[in-house]
Amino acid sequence: MKGDAMERTLSEINKTPDVVGSCIVAEDGILVASDFNSEIDSEVIGALVSSVIRAAKLAIQKMDYGDIRSFMLEAKKIKLFFAKTRVGYLVVITNADANLGLIRVEVKNAVKKLDGLGL
């Protein structure tokens, strides 16, 4: 039941213009849920996302700035949005020209939904 709610939340955020996929990765790197188009290998993305999150967490800890809430990674062809939830990290992948404000609002709303699931 909770898995269904997570899948619905990912499906909803994927309806946002320029979003190409999303997933939830647990703190230990396990892919909890994913909704990617057929061009993206969710298992590969899960492992890569886990590496990025570990590196970001280590950097923030070393600087003693507290816990990560969210961050964005921008490349030439895509943007990745990361946001901490009660079950791990929500990761949203977009095209490079995605509207940052819109995506941030959608990510924030998705985090509220995921945190409200009582997981």
PDB file of N, CA and C in Angstrom:
ATOM      1  N   MET A   1       0.818  -1.198   0.000  1.00  0.00           N
ATOM      2  CA  MET A   1       0.000   0.000   0.000  1.00  0.00           C
ATOM      3  C   MET A   1       0.861   1.261   0.000  1.00  0.00           C
ATOM      4  N   LYS A   2       1.853   1.308   0.903  1.00  0.00           N
ATOM      5  CA  LYS A   2       2.715   2.485   0.952  1.00  0.00           C
ATOM      6  C   LYS A   2       3.554   2.596  -0.309  1.00  0.00           C
ATOM      7  N   GLY A   3       3.966   1.442  -0.843  1.00  0.00           N
ATOM      8  CA  GLY A   3       4.713   1.421  -2.097  1.00  0.00           C
ATOM      9  C   GLY A   3       3.896   2.005  -3.233  1.00  0.00           C
ATOM     10  N   ASP A   4       2.597   1.686  -3.235  1.00  0.00           N
ATOM     11  CA  ASP A   4       1.706   2.241  -4.259  1.00  0.00           C
ATOM     12  C   ASP A   4       1.645   3.758  -4.166  1.00  0.00           C
ATOM     13  N   ALA A   5       1.588   4.271  -2.933  1.00  0.00           N
ATOM     14  CA  ALA A   5       1.532   5.726  -2.729  1.00  0.00           C
ATOM     15  C   ALA A   5       2.829   6.382  -3.187  1.00  0.00           C
ATOM     16  N   MET A   6       3.948   5.725  -2.948  1.00  0.00           N
ATOM     17  CA  MET A   6       5.231   6.261  -3.421  1.00  0.00           C
ATOM     18  C   MET A   6       5.256   6.288  -4.939  1.00  0.00           C
ATOM     19  N   GLU A   7       4.821   5.196  -5.562  1.00  0.00           N
ATOM     20  CA  GLU A   7       4.794   5.127  -7.027  1.00  0.00           C
ATOM     21  C   GLU A   7       3.878   6.210  -7.609  1.00  0.00           C
ATOM     22  N   ARG A   8       2.727   6.442  -6.971  1.00  0.00           N
ATOM     23  CA  ARG A   8       1.810   7.493  -7.431  1.00  0.00           C
ATOM     24  C   ARG A   8       2.464   8.873  -7.319  1.00  0.00           C
ATOM     25  N   THR A   9       3.178   9.102  -6.227  1.00  0.00           N
ATOM     26  CA  THR A   9       3.852  10.392  -6.036  1.00  0.00           C
ATOM     27  C   THR A   9       4.899  10.604  -7.119  1.00  0.00           C
ATOM     28  N   LEU A  10       5.677   9.575  -7.424  1.00  0.00           N
ATOM     29  CA  LEU A  10       6.672   9.683  -8.488  1.00  0.00           C
ATOM     30  C   LEU A  10       5.998   9.913  -9.837  1.00  0.00           C
ATOM     31  N   SER A  11       4.926   9.194 -10.084  1.00  0.00           N
ATOM     32  CA  SER A  11       4.194   9.356 -11.340  1.00  0.00           C
ATOM     33  C   SER A  11       3.665  10.781 -11.493  1.00  0.00           C
ATOM     34  N   GLU A  12       3.171  11.349 -10.396  1.00  0.00           N
ATOM     35  CA  GLU A  12       2.662  12.723 -10.428  1.00  0.00           C
ATOM     36  C   GLU A  12       3.768  13.722 -10.748  1.00  0.00           C
ATOM     37  N   ILE A  13       4.906  13.588 -10.087  1.00  0.00           N
ATOM     38  CA  ILE A  13       5.995  14.545 -10.329  1.00  0.00           C
ATOM     39  C   ILE A  13       6.531  14.391 -11.754  1.00  0.00           C
ATOM     40  N   ASN A  14       6.443  13.195 -12.302  1.00  0.00           N
ATOM     41  CA  ASN A  14       6.925  12.966 -13.666  1.00  0.00           C
ATOM     42  C   ASN A  14       6.043  13.617 -14.723  1.00  0.00           C
ATOM     43  N   LYS A  15       4.856  14.062 -14.341  1.00  0.00           N
ATOM     44  CA  LYS A  15       3.978  14.789 -15.260  1.00  0.00           C
ATOM     45  C   LYS A  15       4.401  16.249 -15.423  1.00  0.00           C
ATOM     46  N   THR A  16       5.309  16.709 -14.579  1.00  0.00           N
ATOM     47  CA  THR A  16       5.803  18.085 -14.645  1.00  0.00           C
ATOM     48  C   THR A  16       6.621  18.250 -15.922  1.00  0.00           C
ATOM     49  N   PRO A  17       6.436  19.353 -16.635  1.00  0.00           N
ATOM     50  CA  PRO A  17       7.213  19.566 -17.865  1.00  0.00           C
ATOM     51  C   PRO A  17       8.714  19.426 -17.628  1.00  0.00           C
ATOM     52  N   ASP A  18       9.384  18.764 -18.545  1.00  0.00           N
ATOM     53  CA  ASP A  18      10.835  18.552 -18.559  1.00  0.00           C
ATOM     54  C   ASP A  18      11.355  17.522 -17.559  1.00  0.00           C
ATOM     55  N   VAL A  19      10.494  16.926 -16.749  1.00  0.00           N
ATOM     56  CA  VAL A  19      10.933  15.852 -15.866  1.00  0.00           C
ATOM     57  C   VAL A  19      10.999  14.568 -16.691  1.00  0.00           C
ATOM     58  N   VAL A  20      12.144  13.877 -16.611  1.00  0.00           N
ATOM     59  CA  VAL A  20      12.317  12.637 -17.374  1.00  0.00           C
ATOM     60  C   VAL A  20      12.266  11.390 -16.495  1.00  0.00           C
ATOM     61  N   GLY A  21      12.275  11.577 -15.190  1.00  0.00           N
ATOM     62  CA  GLY A  21      12.164  10.435 -14.296  1.00  0.00           C
ATOM     63  C   GLY A  21      12.434  10.826 -12.860  1.00  0.00           C
ATOM     64  N   SER A  22      12.079   9.915 -11.960  1.00  0.00           N
ATOM     65  CA  SER A  22      12.290  10.171 -10.537  1.00  0.00           C
ATOM     66  C   SER A  22      12.446   8.845  -9.800  1.00  0.00           C
ATOM     67  N   CYS A  23      13.033   8.929  -8.620  1.00  0.00           N
ATOM     68  CA  CYS A  23      13.200   7.733  -7.800  1.00  0.00           C
ATOM     69  C   CYS A  23      13.346   8.131  -6.341  1.00  0.00           C
ATOM     70  N   ILE A  24      13.260   7.123  -5.499  1.00  0.00           N
ATOM     71  CA  ILE A  24      13.533   7.284  -4.069  1.00  0.00           C
ATOM     72  C   ILE A  24      14.632   6.291  -3.735  1.00  0.00           C
ATOM     73  N   VAL A  25      15.709   6.806  -3.156  1.00  0.00           N
ATOM     74  CA  VAL A  25      16.856   5.987  -2.783  1.00  0.00           C
ATOM     75  C   VAL A  25      17.001   6.046  -1.261  1.00  0.00           C
ATOM     76  N   ALA A  26      17.021   4.886  -0.616  1.00  0.00           N
ATOM     77  CA  ALA A  26      17.173   4.819   0.840  1.00  0.00           C
ATOM     78  C   ALA A  26      18.572   5.274   1.252  1.00  0.00           C
ATOM     79  N   GLU A  27      18.708   5.585   2.511  1.00  0.00           N
ATOM     80  CA  GLU A  27      19.998   6.030   3.056  1.00  0.00           C
ATOM     81  C   GLU A  27      21.116   5.037   2.747  1.00  0.00           C
ATOM     82  N   ASP A  28      20.805   3.743   2.718  1.00  0.00           N
ATOM     83  CA  ASP A  28      21.821   2.721   2.479  1.00  0.00           C
ATOM     84  C   ASP A  28      22.080   2.471   0.986  1.00  0.00           C
ATOM     85  N   GLY A  29      21.436   3.270   0.116  1.00  0.00           N
ATOM     86  CA  GLY A  29      21.680   3.157  -1.316  1.00  0.00           C
ATOM     87  C   GLY A  29      20.722   2.252  -2.059  1.00  0.00           C
ATOM     88  N   ILE A  30      19.798   1.616  -1.353  1.00  0.00           N
ATOM     89  CA  ILE A  30      18.823   0.741  -1.995  1.00  0.00           C
ATOM     90  C   ILE A  30      17.775   1.584  -2.724  1.00  0.00           C
ATOM     91  N   LEU A  31      17.479   1.202  -3.940  1.00  0.00           N
ATOM     92  CA  LEU A  31      16.445   1.869  -4.716  1.00  0.00           C
ATOM     93  C   LEU A  31      15.087   1.418  -4.173  1.00  0.00           C
ATOM     94  N   VAL A  32      14.346   2.338  -3.562  1.00  0.00           N
ATOM     95  CA  VAL A  32      13.067   2.028  -2.927  1.00  0.00           C
ATOM     96  C   VAL A  32      11.937   2.024  -3.943  1.00  0.00           C
ATOM     97  N   ALA A  33      11.932   3.014  -4.818  1.00  0.00           N
ATOM     98  CA  ALA A  33      10.894   3.137  -5.847  1.00  0.00           C
ATOM     99  C   ALA A  33      11.477   3.944  -6.994  1.00  0.00           C
ATOM    100  N   SER A  34      10.977   3.675  -8.205  1.00  0.00           N
ATOM    101  CA  SER A  34      11.459   4.454  -9.338  1.00  0.00           C
ATOM    102  C   SER A  34      10.391   4.536 -10.414  1.00  0.00           C
ATOM    103  N   ASP A  35      10.464   5.592 -11.188  1.00  0.00           N
ATOM    104  CA  ASP A  35       9.569   5.785 -12.326  1.00  0.00           C
ATOM    105  C   ASP A  35      10.381   6.529 -13.389  1.00  0.00           C
ATOM    106  N   PHE A  36      11.055   5.763 -14.236  1.00  0.00           N
ATOM    107  CA  PHE A  36      11.883   6.322 -15.299  1.00  0.00           C
ATOM    108  C   PHE A  36      11.341   5.894 -16.650  1.00  0.00           C
ATOM    109  N   ASN A  37      11.634   6.721 -17.650  1.00  0.00           N
ATOM    110  CA  ASN A  37      11.271   6.300 -19.003  1.00  0.00           C
ATOM    111  C   ASN A  37      12.189   5.150 -19.408  1.00  0.00           C
ATOM    112  N   SER A  38      11.914   4.525 -20.509  1.00  0.00           N
ATOM    113  CA  SER A  38      12.630   3.311 -20.905  1.00  0.00           C
ATOM    114  C   SER A  38      14.101   3.537 -21.232  1.00  0.00           C
ATOM    115  N   GLU A  39      14.512   4.772 -21.448  1.00  0.00           N
ATOM    116  CA  GLU A  39      15.912   5.051 -21.788  1.00  0.00           C
ATOM    117  C   GLU A  39      16.842   4.999 -20.579  1.00  0.00           C
ATOM    118  N   ILE A  40      16.280   5.036 -19.385  1.00  0.00           N
ATOM    119  CA  ILE A  40      17.080   5.120 -18.173  1.00  0.00           C
ATOM    120  C   ILE A  40      17.035   3.793 -17.433  1.00  0.00           C
ATOM    121  N   ASP A  41      18.205   3.249 -17.094  1.00  0.00           N
ATOM    122  CA  ASP A  41      18.303   2.014 -16.324  1.00  0.00           C
ATOM    123  C   ASP A  41      18.223   2.376 -14.843  1.00  0.00           C
ATOM    124  N   SER A  42      17.104   2.058 -14.207  1.00  0.00           N
ATOM    125  CA  SER A  42      16.876   2.480 -12.830  1.00  0.00           C
ATOM    126  C   SER A  42      17.904   1.921 -11.851  1.00  0.00           C
ATOM    127  N   GLU A  43      18.394   0.714 -12.073  1.00  0.00           N
ATOM    128  CA  GLU A  43      19.387   0.132 -11.167  1.00  0.00           C
ATOM    129  C   GLU A  43      20.710   0.898 -11.245  1.00  0.00           C
ATOM    130  N   VAL A  44      21.109   1.267 -12.437  1.00  0.00           N
ATOM    131  CA  VAL A  44      22.344   2.048 -12.612  1.00  0.00           C
ATOM    132  C   VAL A  44      22.179   3.422 -11.968  1.00  0.00           C
ATOM    133  N   ILE A  45      21.042   4.054 -12.232  1.00  0.00           N
ATOM    134  CA  ILE A  45      20.779   5.368 -11.643  1.00  0.00           C
ATOM    135  C   ILE A  45      20.789   5.276 -10.124  1.00  0.00           C
ATOM    136  N   GLY A  46      20.181   4.235  -9.563  1.00  0.00           N
ATOM    137  CA  GLY A  46      20.157   4.064  -8.109  1.00  0.00           C
ATOM    138  C   GLY A  46      21.550   4.024  -7.517  1.00  0.00           C
ATOM    139  N   ALA A  47      22.447   3.281  -8.128  1.00  0.00           N
ATOM    140  CA  ALA A  47      23.827   3.179  -7.639  1.00  0.00           C
ATOM    141  C   ALA A  47      24.566   4.511  -7.778  1.00  0.00           C
ATOM    142  N   LEU A  48      24.398   5.164  -8.921  1.00  0.00           N
ATOM    143  CA  LEU A  48      25.079   6.447  -9.140  1.00  0.00           C
ATOM    144  C   LEU A  48      24.551   7.527  -8.195  1.00  0.00           C
ATOM    145  N   VAL A  49      23.248   7.562  -8.021  1.00  0.00           N
ATOM    146  CA  VAL A  49      22.632   8.540  -7.122  1.00  0.00           C
ATOM    147  C   VAL A  49      23.128   8.328  -5.698  1.00  0.00           C
ATOM    148  N   SER A  50      23.226   7.083  -5.297  1.00  0.00           N
ATOM    149  CA  SER A  50      23.721   6.769  -3.962  1.00  0.00           C
ATOM    150  C   SER A  50      25.136   7.317  -3.761  1.00  0.00           C
ATOM    151  N   SER A  51      25.983   7.199  -4.771  1.00  0.00           N
ATOM    152  CA  SER A  51      27.353   7.729  -4.690  1.00  0.00           C
ATOM    153  C   SER A  51      27.360   9.245  -4.556  1.00  0.00           C
ATOM    154  N   VAL A  52      26.508   9.913  -5.314  1.00  0.00           N
ATOM    155  CA  VAL A  52      26.427  11.376  -5.250  1.00  0.00           C
ATOM    156  C   VAL A  52      25.958  11.812  -3.863  1.00  0.00           C
ATOM    157  N   ILE A  53      24.944  11.137  -3.336  1.00  0.00           N
ATOM    158  CA  ILE A  53      24.419  11.497  -2.013  1.00  0.00           C
ATOM    159  C   ILE A  53      25.489  11.297  -0.939  1.00  0.00           C
ATOM    160  N   ARG A  54      26.203  10.176  -0.993  1.00  0.00           N
ATOM    161  CA  ARG A  54      27.269   9.928  -0.003  1.00  0.00           C
ATOM    162  C   ARG A  54      28.325  11.019  -0.058  1.00  0.00           C
ATOM    163  N   ALA A  55      28.743  11.410  -1.262  1.00  0.00           N
ATOM    164  CA  ALA A  55      29.762  12.453  -1.408  1.00  0.00           C
ATOM    165  C   ALA A  55      29.266  13.795  -0.871  1.00  0.00           C
ATOM    166  N   ALA A  56      28.012  14.134  -1.175  1.00  0.00           N
ATOM    167  CA  ALA A  56      27.448  15.400  -0.693  1.00  0.00           C
ATOM    168  C   ALA A  56      27.336  15.401   0.831  1.00  0.00           C
ATOM    169  N   LYS A  57      26.870  14.278   1.397  1.00  0.00           N
ATOM    170  CA  LYS A  57      26.744  14.190   2.854  1.00  0.00           C
ATOM    171  C   LYS A  57      28.102  14.328   3.531  1.00  0.00           C
ATOM    172  N   LEU A  58      29.114  13.677   2.983  1.00  0.00           N
ATOM    173  CA  LEU A  58      30.458  13.746   3.549  1.00  0.00           C
ATOM    174  C   LEU A  58      30.986  15.177   3.506  1.00  0.00           C
ATOM    175  N   ALA A  59      30.792  15.852   2.385  1.00  0.00           N
ATOM    176  CA  ALA A  59      31.261  17.234   2.251  1.00  0.00           C
ATOM    177  C   ALA A  59      30.589  18.141   3.268  1.00  0.00           C
ATOM    178  N   ILE A  60      29.290  18.021   3.422  1.00  0.00           N
ATOM    179  CA  ILE A  60      28.550  18.874   4.367  1.00  0.00           C
ATOM    180  C   ILE A  60      28.951  18.560   5.805  1.00  0.00           C
ATOM    181  N   GLN A  61      29.154  17.278   6.108  1.00  0.00           N
ATOM    182  CA  GLN A  61      29.581  16.901   7.456  1.00  0.00           C
ATOM    183  C   GLN A  61      30.958  17.460   7.771  1.00  0.00           C
ATOM    184  N   LYS A  62      31.874  17.371   6.804  1.00  0.00           N
ATOM    185  CA  LYS A  62      33.237  17.881   7.018  1.00  0.00           C
ATOM    186  C   LYS A  62      33.240  19.389   7.261  1.00  0.00           C
ATOM    187  N   MET A  63      32.288  20.092   6.638  1.00  0.00           N
ATOM    188  CA  MET A  63      32.180  21.542   6.834  1.00  0.00           C
ATOM    189  C   MET A  63      31.334  21.884   8.053  1.00  0.00           C
ATOM    190  N   ASP A  64      30.751  20.858   8.690  1.00  0.00           N
ATOM    191  CA  ASP A  64      29.944  21.023   9.890  1.00  0.00           C
ATOM    192  C   ASP A  64      28.769  21.981   9.674  1.00  0.00           C
ATOM    193  N   TYR A  65      28.034  21.763   8.570  1.00  0.00           N
ATOM    194  CA  TYR A  65      26.882  22.602   8.242  1.00  0.00           C
ATOM    195  C   TYR A  65      25.545  21.933   8.541  1.00  0.00           C
ATOM    196  N   GLY A  66      25.559  20.788   9.201  1.00  0.00           N
ATOM    197  CA  GLY A  66      24.307  20.109   9.529  1.00  0.00           C
ATOM    198  C   GLY A  66      23.936  19.076   8.487  1.00  0.00           C
ATOM    199  N   ASP A  67      22.683  18.671   8.524  1.00  0.00           N
ATOM    200  CA  ASP A  67      22.199  17.641   7.603  1.00  0.00           C
ATOM    201  C   ASP A  67      21.739  18.258   6.284  1.00  0.00           C
ATOM    202  N   ILE A  68      21.875  17.503   5.229  1.00  0.00           N
ATOM    203  CA  ILE A  68      21.411  17.935   3.906  1.00  0.00           C
ATOM    204  C   ILE A  68      19.890  17.875   3.886  1.00  0.00           C
ATOM    205  N   ARG A  69      19.277  18.923   3.355  1.00  0.00           N
ATOM    206  CA  ARG A  69      17.832  18.918   3.102  1.00  0.00           C
ATOM    207  C   ARG A  69      17.576  18.681   1.623  1.00  0.00           C
ATOM    208  N   SER A  70      18.302  19.426   0.788  1.00  0.00           N
ATOM    209  CA  SER A  70      18.153  19.264  -0.657  1.00  0.00           C
ATOM    210  C   SER A  70      19.365  19.864  -1.355  1.00  0.00           C
ATOM    211  N   PHE A  71      19.562  19.429  -2.591  1.00  0.00           N
ATOM    212  CA  PHE A  71      20.602  20.026  -3.423  1.00  0.00           C
ATOM    213  C   PHE A  71      20.310  19.695  -4.873  1.00  0.00           C
ATOM    214  N   MET A  72      21.003  20.403  -5.770  1.00  0.00           N
ATOM    215  CA  MET A  72      20.799  20.207  -7.202  1.00  0.00           C
ATOM    216  C   MET A  72      22.150  19.998  -7.862  1.00  0.00           C
ATOM    217  N   LEU A  73      22.175  19.127  -8.841  1.00  0.00           N
ATOM    218  CA  LEU A  73      23.368  18.860  -9.626  1.00  0.00           C
ATOM    219  C   LEU A  73      23.020  19.176 -11.070  1.00  0.00           C
ATOM    220  N   GLU A  74      23.804  20.022 -11.687  1.00  0.00           N
ATOM    221  CA  GLU A  74      23.516  20.440 -13.055  1.00  0.00           C
ATOM    222  C   GLU A  74      24.634  20.006 -13.984  1.00  0.00           C
ATOM    223  N   ALA A  75      24.258  19.347 -15.063  1.00  0.00           N
ATOM    224  CA  ALA A  75      25.197  18.936 -16.098  1.00  0.00           C
ATOM    225  C   ALA A  75      24.767  19.578 -17.414  1.00  0.00           C
ATOM    226  N   LYS A  76      25.520  19.329 -18.446  1.00  0.00           N
ATOM    227  CA  LYS A  76      25.205  19.945 -19.736  1.00  0.00           C
ATOM    228  C   LYS A  76      23.831  19.530 -20.253  1.00  0.00           C
ATOM    229  N   LYS A  77      23.464  18.253 -20.070  1.00  0.00           N
ATOM    230  CA  LYS A  77      22.226  17.748 -20.662  1.00  0.00           C
ATOM    231  C   LYS A  77      21.078  17.532 -19.680  1.00  0.00           C
ATOM    232  N   ILE A  78      21.386  17.477 -18.380  1.00  0.00           N
ATOM    233  CA  ILE A  78      20.339  17.208 -17.382  1.00  0.00           C
ATOM    234  C   ILE A  78      20.570  18.000 -16.105  1.00  0.00           C
ATOM    235  N   LYS A  79      19.531  18.002 -15.276  1.00  0.00           N
ATOM    236  CA  LYS A  79      19.623  18.502 -13.908  1.00  0.00           C
ATOM    237  C   LYS A  79      19.068  17.407 -13.013  1.00  0.00           C
ATOM    238  N   LEU A  80      19.685  17.242 -11.851  1.00  0.00           N
ATOM    239  CA  LEU A  80      19.191  16.294 -10.863  1.00  0.00           C
ATOM    240  C   LEU A  80      18.875  17.057  -9.594  1.00  0.00           C
ATOM    241  N   PHE A  81      17.686  16.840  -9.080  1.00  0.00           N
ATOM    242  CA  PHE A  81      17.243  17.464  -7.842  1.00  0.00           C
ATOM    243  C   PHE A  81      17.159  16.386  -6.778  1.00  0.00           C
ATOM    244  N   PHE A  82      17.773  16.630  -5.633  1.00  0.00           N
ATOM    245  CA  PHE A  82      17.809  15.683  -4.527  1.00  0.00           C
ATOM    246  C   PHE A  82      17.119  16.327  -3.334  1.00  0.00           C
ATOM    247  N   ALA A  83      16.242  15.596  -2.667  1.00  0.00           N
ATOM    248  CA  ALA A  83      15.570  16.120  -1.479  1.00  0.00           C
ATOM    249  C   ALA A  83      15.400  14.995  -0.466  1.00  0.00           C
ATOM    250  N   LYS A  84      15.749  15.267   0.778  1.00  0.00           N
ATOM    251  CA  LYS A  84      15.647  14.270   1.847  1.00  0.00           C
ATOM    252  C   LYS A  84      14.192  14.080   2.238  1.00  0.00           C
ATOM    253  N   THR A  85      13.807  12.820   2.394  1.00  0.00           N
ATOM    254  CA  THR A  85      12.482  12.471   2.887  1.00  0.00           C
ATOM    255  C   THR A  85      12.648  11.510   4.055  1.00  0.00           C
ATOM    256  N   ARG A  86      11.560  11.115   4.653  1.00  0.00           N
ATOM    257  CA  ARG A  86      11.626  10.166   5.765  1.00  0.00           C
ATOM    258  C   ARG A  86      12.098   8.789   5.326  1.00  0.00           C
ATOM    259  N   VAL A  87      11.976   8.472   4.038  1.00  0.00           N
ATOM    260  CA  VAL A  87      12.374   7.141   3.550  1.00  0.00           C
ATOM    261  C   VAL A  87      13.696   7.142   2.799  1.00  0.00           C
ATOM    262  N   GLY A  88      14.317   8.278   2.674  1.00  0.00           N
ATOM    263  CA  GLY A  88      15.565   8.386   1.932  1.00  0.00           C
ATOM    264  C   GLY A  88      15.591   9.677   1.140  1.00  0.00           C
ATOM    265  N   TYR A  89      16.075   9.606  -0.072  1.00  0.00           N
ATOM    266  CA  TYR A  89      16.169  10.800  -0.915  1.00  0.00           C
ATOM    267  C   TYR A  89      15.287  10.657  -2.144  1.00  0.00           C
ATOM    268  N   LEU A  90      14.492  11.691  -2.378  1.00  0.00           N
ATOM    269  CA  LEU A  90      13.754  11.808  -3.622  1.00  0.00           C
ATOM    270  C   LEU A  90      14.720  12.403  -4.631  1.00  0.00           C
ATOM    271  N   VAL A  91      14.824  11.788  -5.796  1.00  0.00           N
ATOM    272  CA  VAL A  91      15.699  12.291  -6.855  1.00  0.00           C
ATOM    273  C   VAL A  91      14.851  12.485  -8.103  1.00  0.00           C
ATOM    274  N   VAL A  92      14.907  13.699  -8.644  1.00  0.00           N
ATOM    275  CA  VAL A  92      14.144  14.024  -9.843  1.00  0.00           C
ATOM    276  C   VAL A  92      15.128  14.433 -10.929  1.00  0.00           C
ATOM    277  N   ILE A  93      15.039  13.786 -12.076  1.00  0.00           N
ATOM    278  CA  ILE A  93      15.919  14.071 -13.206  1.00  0.00           C
ATOM    279  C   ILE A  93      15.128  14.850 -14.242  1.00  0.00           C
ATOM    280  N   THR A  94      15.708  15.965 -14.700  1.00  0.00           N
ATOM    281  CA  THR A  94      15.026  16.817 -15.678  1.00  0.00           C
ATOM    282  C   THR A  94      15.930  17.091 -16.871  1.00  0.00           C
ATOM    283  N   ASN A  95      15.324  17.618 -17.911  1.00  0.00           N
ATOM    284  CA  ASN A  95      16.103  18.145 -19.029  1.00  0.00           C
ATOM    285  C   ASN A  95      16.889  19.358 -18.540  1.00  0.00           C
ATOM    286  N   ALA A  96      17.911  19.725 -19.274  1.00  0.00           N
ATOM    287  CA  ALA A  96      18.780  20.833 -18.868  1.00  0.00           C
ATOM    288  C   ALA A  96      18.060  22.173 -18.810  1.00  0.00           C
ATOM    289  N   ASP A  97      17.025  22.348 -19.615  1.00  0.00           N
ATOM    290  CA  ASP A  97      16.348  23.644 -19.659  1.00  0.00           C
ATOM    291  C   ASP A  97      15.087  23.696 -18.795  1.00  0.00           C
ATOM    292  N   ALA A  98      14.962  22.791 -17.838  1.00  0.00           N
ATOM    293  CA  ALA A  98      13.791  22.756 -16.958  1.00  0.00           C
ATOM    294  C   ALA A  98      13.684  24.036 -16.137  1.00  0.00           C
ATOM    295  N   ASN A  99      12.465  24.407 -15.822  1.00  0.00           N
ATOM    296  CA  ASN A  99      12.174  25.582 -14.998  1.00  0.00           C
ATOM    297  C   ASN A  99      12.516  25.255 -13.538  1.00  0.00           C
ATOM    298  N   LEU A 100      13.593  25.856 -13.026  1.00  0.00           N
ATOM    299  CA  LEU A 100      14.065  25.545 -11.674  1.00  0.00           C
ATOM    300  C   LEU A 100      13.014  25.799 -10.612  1.00  0.00           C
ATOM    301  N   GLY A 101      12.328  26.925 -10.713  1.00  0.00           N
ATOM    302  CA  GLY A 101      11.318  27.268  -9.714  1.00  0.00           C
ATOM    303  C   GLY A 101      10.196  26.248  -9.673  1.00  0.00           C
ATOM    304  N   LEU A 102       9.695  25.893 -10.835  1.00  0.00           N
ATOM    305  CA  LEU A 102       8.611  24.916 -10.915  1.00  0.00           C
ATOM    306  C   LEU A 102       9.049  23.565 -10.363  1.00  0.00           C
ATOM    307  N   ILE A 103      10.229  23.124 -10.745  1.00  0.00           N
ATOM    308  CA  ILE A 103      10.714  21.819 -10.272  1.00  0.00           C
ATOM    309  C   ILE A 103      10.894  21.832  -8.758  1.00  0.00           C
ATOM    310  N   ARG A 104      11.452  22.906  -8.226  1.00  0.00           N
ATOM    311  CA  ARG A 104      11.638  22.988  -6.765  1.00  0.00           C
ATOM    312  C   ARG A 104      10.307  22.916  -6.025  1.00  0.00           C
ATOM    313  N   VAL A 105       9.298  23.598  -6.543  1.00  0.00           N
ATOM    314  CA  VAL A 105       7.970  23.556  -5.924  1.00  0.00           C
ATOM    315  C   VAL A 105       7.412  22.133  -5.978  1.00  0.00           C
ATOM    316  N   GLU A 106       7.531  21.485  -7.127  1.00  0.00           N
ATOM    317  CA  GLU A 106       7.017  20.122  -7.270  1.00  0.00           C
ATOM    318  C   GLU A 106       7.767  19.145  -6.362  1.00  0.00           C
ATOM    319  N   VAL A 107       9.079  19.312  -6.242  1.00  0.00           N
ATOM    320  CA  VAL A 107       9.868  18.453  -5.353  1.00  0.00           C
ATOM    321  C   VAL A 107       9.425  18.664  -3.910  1.00  0.00           C
ATOM    322  N   LYS A 108       9.259  19.910  -3.517  1.00  0.00           N
ATOM    323  CA  LYS A 108       8.833  20.221  -2.148  1.00  0.00           C
ATOM    324  C   LYS A 108       7.467  19.590  -1.851  1.00  0.00           C
ATOM    325  N   ASN A 109       6.531  19.689  -2.797  1.00  0.00           N
ATOM    326  CA  ASN A 109       5.208  19.082  -2.619  1.00  0.00           C
ATOM    327  C   ASN A 109       5.297  17.560  -2.530  1.00  0.00           C
ATOM    328  N   ALA A 110       6.155  16.974  -3.349  1.00  0.00           N
ATOM    329  CA  ALA A 110       6.325  15.519  -3.328  1.00  0.00           C
ATOM    330  C   ALA A 110       6.919  15.061  -1.996  1.00  0.00           C
ATOM    331  N   VAL A 111       7.861  15.814  -1.462  1.00  0.00           N
ATOM    332  CA  VAL A 111       8.466  15.476  -0.176  1.00  0.00           C
ATOM    333  C   VAL A 111       7.391  15.501   0.916  1.00  0.00           C
ATOM    334  N   LYS A 112       6.528  16.500   0.898  1.00  0.00           N
ATOM    335  CA  LYS A 112       5.438  16.572   1.885  1.00  0.00           C
ATOM    336  C   LYS A 112       4.537  15.353   1.788  1.00  0.00           C
ATOM    337  N   LYS A 113       4.216  14.944   0.557  1.00  0.00           N
ATOM    338  CA  LYS A 113       3.374  13.750   0.371  1.00  0.00           C
ATOM    339  C   LYS A 113       4.076  12.507   0.890  1.00  0.00           C
ATOM    340  N   LEU A 114       5.345  12.350   0.538  1.00  0.00           N
ATOM    341  CA  LEU A 114       6.092  11.176   0.977  1.00  0.00           C
ATOM    342  C   LEU A 114       6.251  11.145   2.486  1.00  0.00           C
ATOM    343  N   ASP A 115       6.521  12.285   3.099  1.00  0.00           N
ATOM    344  CA  ASP A 115       6.688  12.341   4.545  1.00  0.00           C
ATOM    345  C   ASP A 115       5.366  12.101   5.277  1.00  0.00           C
ATOM    346  N   GLY A 116       4.254  12.394   4.612  1.00  0.00           N
ATOM    347  CA  GLY A 116       2.947  12.195   5.208  1.00  0.00           C
ATOM    348  C   GLY A 116       2.430  10.773   5.117  1.00  0.00           C
ATOM    349  N   LEU A 117       3.174   9.889   4.474  1.00  0.00           N
ATOM    350  CA  LEU A 117       2.722   8.503   4.303  1.00  0.00           C
ATOM    351  C   LEU A 117       2.817   7.673   5.587  1.00  0.00           C
ATOM    352  N   GLY A 118       3.523   8.222   6.585  1.00  0.00           N
ATOM    353  CA  GLY A 118       3.651   7.471   7.828  1.00  0.00           C
ATOM    354  C   GLY A 118       4.515   6.240   7.722  1.00  0.00           C
ATOM    355  N   LEU A 119       5.546   6.345   6.880  1.00  0.00           N
ATOM    356  CA  LEU A 119       6.426   5.183   6.641  1.00  0.00           C
ATOM    357  C   LEU A 119       7.404   4.997   7.771  1.00  0.00           C
TER     358      LEU A 119
END
